[in-house]
Structures are given as structure tokens and as C-alpha cells.
Amino acid sequence: MLEKNYIGEYKEDMKKILVIDESPLLRDFLKKKLEELGFEVLTSANGLEGSLKIRSFLPDLVIMDYYLSRKSSIEVLKEMKGNPNTTQTPVIMASSKIDRDSLMEVVKYNVKKFLTKPVKMDALIKSISEILGVNLQLDSTPCIIEAHVNEDILFIEIAQGLNTEKIELLKYKITELIDLYEIQVPKVLIIMSNLSISGDDSLKLNMLLSTILEHSQAKPKFVKILTTSDFVASFVKGKKEFAEIEVTANLEKAMDGLLGRKAGAYLDQENLVVHQELLSASAPRKEKSETIHLRFEGEKPSTPDLTKLQDVLTFAVVDDDFVIQELIKTAFSDARFKIDTFDNGEEFLKQLKPDGYDLVFLDLMMPVMDGFQTLEELKKRGNTIPIIVLSALSQRETVIKALKYGVKSYLIKPLKPEWIRKKATEILSMNF
């Protein structure tokens, strides 16, 4: 019988892949994706079931987790090696952790590739392509999607572009997070601040929003999109199924709707949460590990090499604390940067020239002229230098007030050099 492969051609002998993994979510995703790519796929939930299917299915490739129940992966590998029909069958193995001795043991068998969980999908597809000698193509549109949960809100951050492979992965990531955090009434904030999007992206944008609504099960009124894109606002408004989704460029407004209270007003000590903490993942309620990875191996790391951004960068540190000034200098000591320090806002503004700095670190509490007064003056001048606020203040109302001045990010004292460097890199590389 002829079957259609992933590019629409017919082929008589489909390659067969067996996936052995205890995560139903991962099994389901891999089965669907690999079938789309033209493979015949079976799945098994444990080692015993997997070993039986290996004997009957005779796959061309086995993808298995290292840690299996009912029969260990080593037992499965030994059985495969002892069976003339499967002794040459290649294996891709994956695990969230493995010691050196265990790794040395599995390589005695026909394990061609060992991947770390959560598995990056492009690395897996590349391995399959190389092992089976087939040409597999994925959507190569640059795209970064991150998803996490905090305060029972699902945060989905998107940058660079829209990629169909990432959107497909997002289906499973959302399902996983809803389960791990036991969210009963899903609320979603889609952050697209650094995303340039146009009519050419209509199909992918529709796919993205449909995916989020379907798999989060959130009502449209509990979904907010943070963006400055007029196209996104027009697109959402023009679609009946998305019309109740609020599109705004105002973070405070979006958070008000999702939290059910004024984001700028703190109710008690527990609610004094800073912006950067709100956009970080909280601990899941279930004792499980995440299995779906939204990043690809071929992407640049989340903290790229600052020395490659430009030949020379000039930073200003506006803080009356000498220790903080030296700490920031230390954070960039290995790069060719020029760092000027100022003890207060007035001193900084007197020396400031148009586009004189690539980045400014600004304290809020200083003598003579504080951070907010400095921000107000920069606003009057129309200055658009990216600013990272440094402060010991942690009230949400303080954060929201700073963000209204166009502050790019907010770090709470005490600081560590790696935090400073990472945040600066994100801002300067237009990443998040």
C-alpha cells in the first residue's frame, strides 16, 4: 500500500520508528510529528511493552528514555543485541540525567545518539535524518517562544518571528504546564513586545492564537496580548473567535485584567512582587519535570556573547553606591566596554549627549536628583536610551511607575554580576 510522505509524494516503504517513553505527552507529540514527516510510528509506555513491540514491529529506529519501568533500558538493549532481526537497529536514547558509568554502558550497544531531556526538537530531527539517511525539513523561521506560570497566569513570550514547529510544540507545553501547576481557571498573557509582524504572518498568527485558546482552555476574555503592533490589534479585532482578547501596549492594564485587582496597588506584604519576579516561573505544584522544550539546539544561547554585539559599547552607571559601580564594572571586565559612573541623576544629565550611551543602569534612590526625576527629564528630552533600573525597592507600584517611563527592565538589589550581564545582554541583543 502506498502512503503519502511529509512532502506529499507517495512512497511504498515507510521507515518505522518506535518511541518508548513514560510521558504520554511526549509520546503523543513525537508520534504526531514523526508521522507528519513521513514515518510509521508506534509508541510504548514502558520497557516491557517496548521490548514486545520491537520484536513484532521490527522498527528501523528506536527512540527511548534511559529510565524505564517494568523492564530497564539496558535489558531492552541487551534483548535487541541478542536478536538477529534487531541487533543492528539504531537507538536514540534520552534522559534528564545520567552518570558517566551508565553512559559508558549504553554505548556498548547500538545507541547512536544520546540526547538530554527536555529534548530539543531540531536536535532530535537532525539525529533521525542522519541515522536513517533521509532529508527532513523543518520551518526555519527565527523564533523564540518561552512559556511559564506565575500567580496562576500562563506567560507566553514570543520574539523574532513565528515558527510553525514552535507553535506545534507550544500545544504540548501549555498542556504540560496546566497539569503541573493544576490551574483551574486559566489566564494567559501573550508578550509580543519585541516581535515585528505583518500580513504575511496571518496564518501563523491565527495558528498561534487558536493553539493557545484550545490548549489552555482559557476564555478569550482571560487572554491578553501585550504588543505595540497595530496589525496584531486589527487582526484580533477582525476575527470573531478572538474578538474578546484584549490587545494592549500597557503592561499595567493587561495585569489588572488578569489579576482581578490593580497591578499597581499592593494589598499586603505577600503582594509586593516585582516585575521581573512576576515574569519568572514559580514552582510547579506536582513533583514532575517538564518534558517539552521550546528552544532549538541551533538557536543562539539565551545569553549570547556580549563581545560580539558591537566592537565597543558605552554604558553609564548612575548610582551613588561605589560598590554597585564597581560591581557593574566587574560584570563586564572581559569585554571592550567603556563604563562611565555618576553619583546622581543631575551629574549624569549634565554629561549626557544625544545617543551618548548604549545602555544606562539607573538607581532610583539617590541624593540631589533621584531616579524618577532623572527618568522624567530623559522623557522631556525625548531620549530613548535603554535603561535598566537598579533598586532595593520591590513594590509592584514602583515597578509599574518605572515601566511607564520606558524602562526596559528592573533588577532588585543586592545584585550579582551574572544577573547584570545576563539582563544587559538580553536588552542589547533585542532578546528577552
Protein backbone atom coordinates (compact mmCIF):
# COMPACT_ATOMS: atom_id res chain seq x y z
CA MET A 1 0.00 0.00 0.00
CA LEU A 2 1.29 3.43 -0.95
CA GLU A 3 1.48 6.12 1.73
CA LYS A 4 1.92 9.88 1.45
CA ASN A 5 5.11 11.25 2.93
CA TYR A 6 5.65 14.68 4.52
CA ILE A 7 6.19 16.50 1.20
CA GLY A 8 3.13 14.99 -0.44
CA GLU A 9 4.90 12.33 -2.51
CA TYR A 10 4.00 8.66 -2.34
CA LYS A 11 6.45 6.10 -1.08
CA GLU A 12 5.98 2.38 -0.69
CA ASP A 13 8.31 1.56 2.17
CA MET A 14 7.88 3.94 5.08
CA LYS A 15 10.63 3.95 7.69
CA LYS A 16 9.36 2.64 11.02
CA ILE A 17 10.11 4.28 14.37
CA LEU A 18 9.25 3.02 17.86
CA VAL A 19 9.09 5.57 20.70
CA ILE A 20 9.44 4.18 24.24
CA ASP A 21 8.81 6.82 26.89
CA GLU A 22 6.73 7.04 30.06
CA SER A 23 5.49 10.57 29.32
CA PRO A 24 2.17 10.32 27.42
CA LEU A 25 2.58 13.96 26.37
CA LEU A 26 5.97 13.35 24.78
CA ARG A 27 4.82 10.11 23.15
CA ASP A 28 1.81 11.83 21.64
CA PHE A 29 3.86 14.75 20.34
CA LEU A 30 6.59 12.57 18.79
CA LYS A 31 4.06 10.23 17.18
CA LYS A 32 2.17 13.12 15.57
CA LYS A 33 5.29 14.98 14.45
CA LEU A 34 7.12 11.94 13.08
CA GLU A 35 4.03 10.77 11.20
CA GLU A 36 3.80 14.22 9.62
CA LEU A 37 7.41 13.76 8.50
CA GLY A 38 6.52 10.53 6.72
CA PHE A 39 7.31 7.79 9.23
CA GLU A 40 5.23 4.90 10.52
CA VAL A 41 5.27 5.31 14.29
CA LEU A 42 4.34 3.13 17.26
CA THR A 43 4.68 4.11 20.92
CA SER A 44 5.21 2.22 24.17
CA ALA A 45 4.75 3.41 27.75
CA ASN A 46 7.35 1.15 29.41
CA GLY A 47 10.27 -1.16 28.75
CA LEU A 48 8.28 -4.40 28.76
CA GLU A 49 5.73 -3.14 26.23
CA GLY A 50 8.56 -1.66 24.19
CA SER A 51 10.54 -4.90 24.01
CA LEU A 52 7.45 -6.78 22.78
CA LYS A 53 6.80 -4.19 20.06
CA ILE A 54 10.44 -4.25 18.97
CA ARG A 55 10.14 -7.97 18.24
CA SER A 56 6.84 -7.66 16.35
CA PHE A 57 7.19 -4.23 14.73
CA LEU A 58 10.89 -4.54 13.76
CA PRO A 59 11.47 -0.75 13.68
CA ASP A 60 14.17 0.95 11.65
CA LEU A 61 14.89 3.16 14.66
CA VAL A 62 14.09 3.10 18.38
CA ILE A 63 13.82 6.31 20.42
CA MET A 64 13.78 5.53 24.14
CA ASP A 65 14.18 7.08 27.55
CA TYR A 66 17.03 5.77 29.71
CA TYR A 67 14.77 5.35 32.74
CA LEU A 68 12.01 2.81 32.00
CA SER A 69 9.70 0.80 34.26
CA ARG A 70 8.81 -2.91 34.08
CA LYS A 71 11.96 -3.55 32.08
CA SER A 72 15.07 -1.35 32.13
CA SER A 73 16.55 0.26 29.04
CA ILE A 74 19.68 -1.87 29.46
CA GLU A 75 17.57 -5.04 29.40
CA VAL A 76 15.80 -3.82 26.26
CA LEU A 77 19.15 -3.05 24.60
CA LYS A 78 20.54 -6.49 25.53
CA GLU A 79 17.47 -8.19 24.03
CA MET A 80 17.83 -6.16 20.83
CA LYS A 81 21.51 -7.11 20.56
CA GLY A 82 20.71 -10.80 21.07
CA ASN A 83 18.02 -10.86 18.37
CA PRO A 84 19.41 -11.24 14.82
CA ASN A 85 16.49 -9.17 13.50
CA THR A 86 17.25 -6.18 15.73
CA THR A 87 20.95 -6.43 16.55
CA GLN A 88 21.75 -3.67 14.00
CA THR A 89 18.71 -1.48 14.81
CA PRO A 90 19.95 2.02 15.78
CA VAL A 91 18.80 3.64 19.01
CA ILE A 92 18.45 7.27 20.09
CA MET A 93 18.40 7.48 23.88
CA ALA A 94 17.31 10.43 26.02
CA SER A 95 17.40 11.24 29.71
CA SER A 96 17.19 14.25 32.01
CA LYS A 97 20.26 12.98 33.88
CA ILE A 98 22.74 10.14 33.57
CA ASP A 99 26.10 9.39 35.19
CA ARG A 100 29.26 8.63 33.24
CA ASP A 101 29.26 4.91 34.08
CA SER A 102 25.70 4.48 32.82
CA LEU A 103 26.53 6.38 29.65
CA MET A 104 29.55 4.17 29.00
CA GLU A 105 27.36 1.11 29.47
CA VAL A 106 24.75 2.07 26.85
CA VAL A 107 27.33 2.92 24.20
CA LYS A 108 28.31 -0.77 24.15
CA TYR A 109 25.07 -1.31 22.28
CA ASN A 110 23.80 0.34 19.11
CA VAL A 111 22.99 3.68 20.76
CA LYS A 112 23.87 6.20 18.02
CA LYS A 113 22.89 9.36 19.88
CA PHE A 114 22.27 10.35 23.48
CA LEU A 115 20.13 13.47 23.99
CA THR A 116 19.46 15.42 27.18
CA LYS A 117 15.85 15.96 28.27
CA PRO A 118 13.91 18.09 27.70
CA VAL A 119 14.85 17.13 24.15
CA LYS A 120 15.36 19.97 21.66
CA MET A 121 13.25 19.04 18.66
CA ASP A 122 15.64 20.18 15.95
CA ALA A 123 18.43 18.10 17.51
CA LEU A 124 16.19 15.02 17.51
CA ILE A 125 15.05 15.53 13.90
CA LYS A 126 18.64 16.09 12.80
CA SER A 127 19.70 12.86 14.51
CA ILE A 128 16.89 10.91 12.87
CA SER A 129 17.81 12.37 9.49
CA GLU A 130 21.47 11.39 9.85
CA ILE A 131 20.82 7.89 11.23
CA LEU A 132 18.16 6.90 8.70
CA GLY A 133 19.67 8.78 5.77
CA VAL A 134 16.55 10.81 4.98
CA ASN A 135 16.16 14.52 4.26
CA LEU A 136 13.84 16.14 6.80
CA GLN A 137 12.88 19.82 6.63
CA LEU A 138 11.54 21.98 9.46
CA ASP A 139 10.27 25.55 9.44
CA SER A 140 13.48 27.58 9.80
CA THR A 141 11.87 30.94 10.63
CA PRO A 142 13.84 32.50 13.55
CA CYS A 143 11.61 32.35 16.60
CA ILE A 144 11.93 32.18 20.35
CA ILE A 145 8.97 31.11 22.48
CA GLU A 146 9.12 30.80 26.25
CA ALA A 147 6.24 29.67 28.45
CA HIS A 148 5.97 29.59 32.24
CA VAL A 149 3.44 30.01 35.04
CA ASN A 150 3.33 32.51 37.89
CA GLU A 151 0.41 33.56 40.10
CA ASP A 152 -1.65 31.01 38.10
CA ILE A 153 -1.08 33.09 34.96
CA LEU A 154 0.41 31.43 31.90
CA PHE A 155 3.04 33.76 30.45
CA ILE A 156 3.92 33.15 26.78
CA GLU A 157 6.80 35.31 25.50
CA ILE A 158 7.49 35.44 21.75
CA ALA A 159 10.35 37.14 19.93
CA GLN A 160 12.00 37.31 16.49
CA GLY A 161 9.21 35.67 14.45
CA LEU A 162 6.55 32.96 14.23
CA ASN A 163 7.59 29.37 13.55
CA THR A 164 5.07 26.59 12.92
CA GLU A 165 7.27 23.97 14.62
CA LYS A 166 7.46 26.08 17.77
CA ILE A 167 3.71 26.70 17.73
CA GLU A 168 3.08 22.95 17.48
CA LEU A 169 5.41 22.40 20.43
CA LEU A 170 3.55 25.10 22.33
CA LYS A 171 0.39 22.96 22.28
CA TYR A 172 2.09 20.35 24.39
CA LYS A 173 3.95 22.82 26.57
CA ILE A 174 0.70 24.55 27.53
CA THR A 175 -0.96 21.21 28.32
CA GLU A 176 2.05 20.23 30.44
CA LEU A 177 2.09 23.50 32.39
CA ILE A 178 -1.66 23.48 33.05
CA ASP A 179 -1.26 19.98 34.51
CA LEU A 180 1.93 20.66 36.50
CA TYR A 181 0.51 23.79 38.12
CA GLU A 182 -3.03 22.38 38.46
CA ILE A 183 -4.55 25.56 37.03
CA GLN A 184 -8.32 25.57 37.34
CA VAL A 185 -9.17 28.90 35.70
CA PRO A 186 -6.52 29.55 33.03
CA LYS A 187 -5.40 33.12 32.37
CA VAL A 188 -2.87 33.94 29.66
CA LEU A 189 -0.57 36.90 28.97
CA ILE A 190 1.00 36.76 25.50
CA ILE A 191 4.04 39.05 25.38
CA MET A 192 4.95 40.06 21.82
CA SER A 193 6.77 43.31 22.62
CA ASN A 194 9.87 42.50 20.55
CA LEU A 195 8.03 40.90 17.64
CA SER A 196 7.64 42.58 14.26
CA ILE A 197 4.67 41.05 12.47
CA SER A 198 2.79 41.75 9.22
CA GLY A 199 0.07 40.40 6.94
CA ASP A 200 2.44 37.70 5.69
CA ASP A 201 2.26 36.17 9.16
CA SER A 202 -1.56 35.99 9.28
CA LEU A 203 -1.80 32.21 9.02
CA LYS A 204 0.84 31.63 11.69
CA LEU A 205 -0.71 34.25 13.98
CA ASN A 206 -4.09 32.57 13.59
CA MET A 207 -2.46 29.21 14.37
CA LEU A 208 -0.76 30.67 17.44
CA LEU A 209 -3.89 32.21 18.95
CA SER A 210 -6.05 29.17 18.12
CA THR A 211 -3.46 26.91 19.75
CA ILE A 212 -3.34 29.00 22.92
CA LEU A 213 -7.12 29.17 23.28
CA GLU A 214 -7.70 25.50 22.53
CA HIS A 215 -4.98 24.01 24.69
CA SER A 216 -5.12 26.40 27.63
CA GLN A 217 -8.93 26.23 27.66
CA ALA A 218 -8.84 29.90 28.67
CA LYS A 219 -11.81 32.06 27.85
CA PRO A 220 -10.87 34.83 25.39
CA LYS A 221 -11.65 37.50 28.00
CA PHE A 222 -8.90 35.99 30.17
CA VAL A 223 -6.30 36.25 27.41
CA LYS A 224 -4.30 39.47 26.99
CA ILE A 225 -1.75 40.34 24.32
CA LEU A 226 0.99 42.82 25.18
CA THR A 227 2.19 44.41 21.94
CA THR A 228 2.58 47.73 20.15
CA SER A 229 1.69 46.17 16.78
CA ASP A 230 -1.30 47.79 15.07
CA PHE A 231 -1.50 44.77 12.78
CA VAL A 232 -1.98 42.36 15.70
CA ALA A 233 -4.65 44.60 17.22
CA SER A 234 -6.50 44.83 13.90
CA PHE A 235 -6.17 41.09 13.23
CA VAL A 236 -7.57 40.12 16.63
CA LYS A 237 -10.43 42.59 16.41
CA GLY A 238 -11.38 41.30 12.94
CA LYS A 239 -11.70 37.66 13.99
CA LYS A 240 -14.91 36.67 15.78
CA GLU A 241 -13.22 33.88 17.75
CA PHE A 242 -10.52 36.27 19.02
CA ALA A 243 -12.55 39.47 19.39
CA GLU A 244 -12.76 39.26 23.21
CA ILE A 245 -8.97 39.05 23.56
CA GLU A 246 -7.61 42.38 24.79
CA VAL A 247 -4.64 43.79 22.89
CA THR A 248 -2.72 46.49 24.73
CA ALA A 249 0.70 48.12 24.90
CA ASN A 250 0.21 48.81 28.62
CA LEU A 251 1.52 46.11 30.97
CA GLU A 252 -0.36 47.53 33.96
CA LYS A 253 -3.66 47.38 32.08
CA ALA A 254 -3.03 43.79 30.99
CA MET A 255 -2.10 42.69 34.51
CA ASP A 256 -5.10 44.46 36.04
CA GLY A 257 -7.42 42.35 33.92
CA LEU A 258 -5.66 39.07 34.70
CA LEU A 259 -5.06 39.57 38.42
CA GLY A 260 -8.52 40.94 39.11
CA ARG A 261 -7.03 43.85 41.08
CA LYS A 262 -4.95 46.93 40.43
CA ALA A 263 -1.48 45.78 39.50
CA GLY A 264 -0.05 48.96 40.92
CA ALA A 265 -1.66 48.60 44.33
CA TYR A 266 -0.19 46.24 46.92
CA LEU A 267 -2.63 44.61 49.33
CA ASP A 268 -0.21 43.06 51.80
CA GLN A 269 3.41 42.04 52.11
CA GLU A 270 2.88 38.91 50.01
CA ASN A 271 1.79 41.04 47.07
CA LEU A 272 4.95 43.16 46.94
CA VAL A 273 6.12 41.33 43.85
CA VAL A 274 8.49 42.94 41.39
CA HIS A 275 8.00 42.88 37.63
CA GLN A 276 10.94 40.58 36.91
CA GLU A 277 9.75 38.09 39.53
CA LEU A 278 6.27 38.07 38.03
CA LEU A 279 7.78 37.19 34.66
CA SER A 280 9.73 34.28 36.17
CA ALA A 281 8.45 30.76 36.68
CA SER A 282 7.14 29.71 40.07
CA ALA A 283 7.49 26.17 41.39
CA PRO A 284 5.03 23.60 39.98
CA ARG A 285 2.52 22.01 42.34
CA LYS A 286 3.21 18.50 41.07
CA GLU A 287 6.52 16.75 41.60
CA LYS A 288 7.21 16.21 37.92
CA SER A 289 9.80 17.52 35.49
CA GLU A 290 8.96 19.41 32.33
CA THR A 291 9.48 17.28 29.22
CA ILE A 292 8.73 19.73 26.38
CA HIS A 293 11.50 22.11 25.32
CA LEU A 294 10.52 25.16 23.25
CA ARG A 295 14.05 26.10 22.24
CA PHE A 296 16.01 24.58 19.37
CA GLU A 297 19.61 23.45 19.62
CA GLY A 298 20.55 25.56 16.61
CA GLU A 299 19.47 28.79 18.29
CA LYS A 300 21.90 31.18 19.86
CA PRO A 301 22.04 30.78 23.64
CA SER A 302 19.75 32.87 25.81
CA THR A 303 22.78 34.88 26.93
CA PRO A 304 24.90 35.39 23.80
CA ASP A 305 28.45 36.68 23.91
CA LEU A 306 28.31 40.39 24.63
CA THR A 307 31.64 40.95 22.95
CA LYS A 308 30.06 40.04 19.62
CA LEU A 309 27.21 42.54 19.81
CA GLN A 310 29.38 45.51 18.85
CA ASP A 311 33.08 46.37 18.79
CA VAL A 312 32.71 48.97 21.52
CA LEU A 313 29.78 49.62 23.85
CA THR A 314 29.42 52.53 26.24
CA PHE A 315 27.47 52.14 29.48
CA ALA A 316 26.50 54.67 32.14
CA VAL A 317 26.09 53.66 35.78
CA VAL A 318 24.07 56.23 37.71
CA ASP A 319 24.23 55.16 41.36
CA ASP A 320 25.63 56.79 44.49
CA ASP A 321 26.83 53.42 45.79
CA PHE A 322 30.51 52.92 44.89
CA VAL A 323 30.16 49.16 45.44
CA ILE A 324 27.44 48.95 42.78
CA GLN A 325 29.56 50.97 40.36
CA GLU A 326 32.47 48.55 40.82
CA LEU A 327 30.17 45.52 40.65
CA ILE A 328 28.89 46.56 37.22
CA LYS A 329 32.44 47.20 36.01
CA THR A 330 33.35 43.70 37.18
CA ALA A 331 30.38 42.18 35.32
CA PHE A 332 31.81 43.42 32.00
CA SER A 333 35.52 43.25 32.78
CA ASP A 334 36.21 40.75 29.98
CA ALA A 335 34.70 42.89 27.21
CA ARG A 336 35.82 46.06 25.39
CA PHE A 337 33.31 48.36 27.06
CA LYS A 338 33.60 51.93 28.25
CA ILE A 339 31.78 52.42 31.54
CA ASP A 340 31.16 55.90 32.97
CA THR A 341 29.95 56.27 36.55
CA PHE A 342 27.85 59.04 38.08
CA ASP A 343 26.78 59.59 41.70
CA ASN A 344 23.38 61.12 40.91
CA GLY A 345 20.99 61.97 38.09
CA GLU A 346 21.99 65.61 37.84
CA GLU A 347 25.65 64.74 37.30
CA PHE A 348 24.64 62.22 34.63
CA LEU A 349 22.33 64.58 32.75
CA LYS A 350 24.95 67.33 32.63
CA GLN A 351 27.33 64.99 30.80
CA LEU A 352 24.71 63.29 28.63
CA LYS A 353 24.94 63.79 24.89
CA PRO A 354 22.33 62.56 22.37
CA ASP A 355 22.83 58.81 21.87
CA GLY A 356 25.87 59.04 24.10
CA TYR A 357 25.28 55.64 25.74
CA ASP A 358 24.19 52.21 24.56
CA LEU A 359 22.74 51.32 27.98
CA VAL A 360 22.13 53.03 31.32
CA PHE A 361 21.99 51.40 34.75
CA LEU A 362 19.95 53.74 36.97
CA ASP A 363 19.39 53.70 40.72
CA LEU A 364 16.05 55.05 41.97
CA MET A 365 17.14 56.32 45.40
CA MET A 366 19.94 58.90 45.08
CA PRO A 367 20.74 62.33 46.56
CA VAL A 368 20.43 65.60 44.61
CA MET A 369 18.33 64.07 41.80
CA ASP A 370 16.75 60.62 42.22
CA GLY A 371 15.95 58.02 39.56
CA PHE A 372 12.39 59.10 38.89
CA GLN A 373 13.40 62.74 38.45
CA THR A 374 16.08 61.56 36.05
CA LEU A 375 13.57 59.46 34.10
CA GLU A 376 11.21 62.44 33.89
CA GLU A 377 13.96 64.67 32.46
CA LEU A 378 15.00 61.99 29.95
CA LYS A 379 11.37 61.73 28.87
CA LYS A 380 11.19 65.51 28.30
CA ARG A 381 14.32 65.33 26.16
CA GLY A 382 12.88 62.50 24.10
CA ASN A 383 15.84 60.33 24.96
CA THR A 384 15.38 56.64 24.06
CA ILE A 385 18.50 55.09 25.61
CA PRO A 386 17.60 51.64 27.01
CA ILE A 387 17.53 51.78 30.81
CA ILE A 388 17.82 49.08 33.46
CA VAL A 389 16.66 50.28 36.86
CA LEU A 390 18.60 49.11 39.92
CA SER A 391 16.90 49.48 43.29
CA ALA A 392 16.29 47.92 46.68
CA LEU A 393 12.64 48.91 46.30
CA SER A 394 10.44 45.95 45.43
CA GLN A 395 6.85 47.23 45.47
CA ARG A 396 4.91 46.48 42.33
CA GLU A 397 3.65 50.07 42.19
CA THR A 398 7.27 51.24 42.00
CA VAL A 399 7.96 48.86 39.14
CA ILE A 400 4.87 49.93 37.20
CA LYS A 401 5.78 53.60 37.70
CA ALA A 402 9.28 52.98 36.33
CA LEU A 403 7.95 50.98 33.37
CA LYS A 404 5.75 53.89 32.34
CA TYR A 405 8.93 55.82 31.58
CA GLY A 406 10.00 53.17 29.09
CA VAL A 407 12.42 51.36 31.41
CA LYS A 408 13.48 48.11 29.72
CA SER A 409 13.99 46.05 32.86
CA TYR A 410 14.22 46.13 36.63
CA LEU A 411 16.80 44.47 38.89
CA ILE A 412 16.49 44.29 42.67
CA LYS A 413 19.46 44.85 44.95
CA PRO A 414 21.58 43.10 46.16
CA LEU A 415 22.91 42.21 42.70
CA LYS A 416 25.19 39.57 41.25
CA PRO A 417 27.48 40.17 38.24
CA GLU A 418 25.91 37.31 36.27
CA TRP A 419 22.42 38.81 36.70
CA ILE A 420 23.63 42.20 35.48
CA ARG A 421 25.42 40.72 32.49
CA LYS A 422 22.51 38.49 31.51
CA LYS A 423 19.97 41.33 31.66
CA ALA A 424 22.20 43.70 29.71
CA THR A 425 22.74 41.04 27.05
CA GLU A 426 19.01 40.46 26.71
CA ILE A 427 18.31 44.15 26.22
CA LEU A 428 21.18 44.81 23.83
CA SER A 429 20.54 41.75 21.69
CA MET A 430 16.81 42.54 21.47
CA ASN A 431 16.15 39.20 23.13
CA PHE A 432 14.10 38.59 26.29
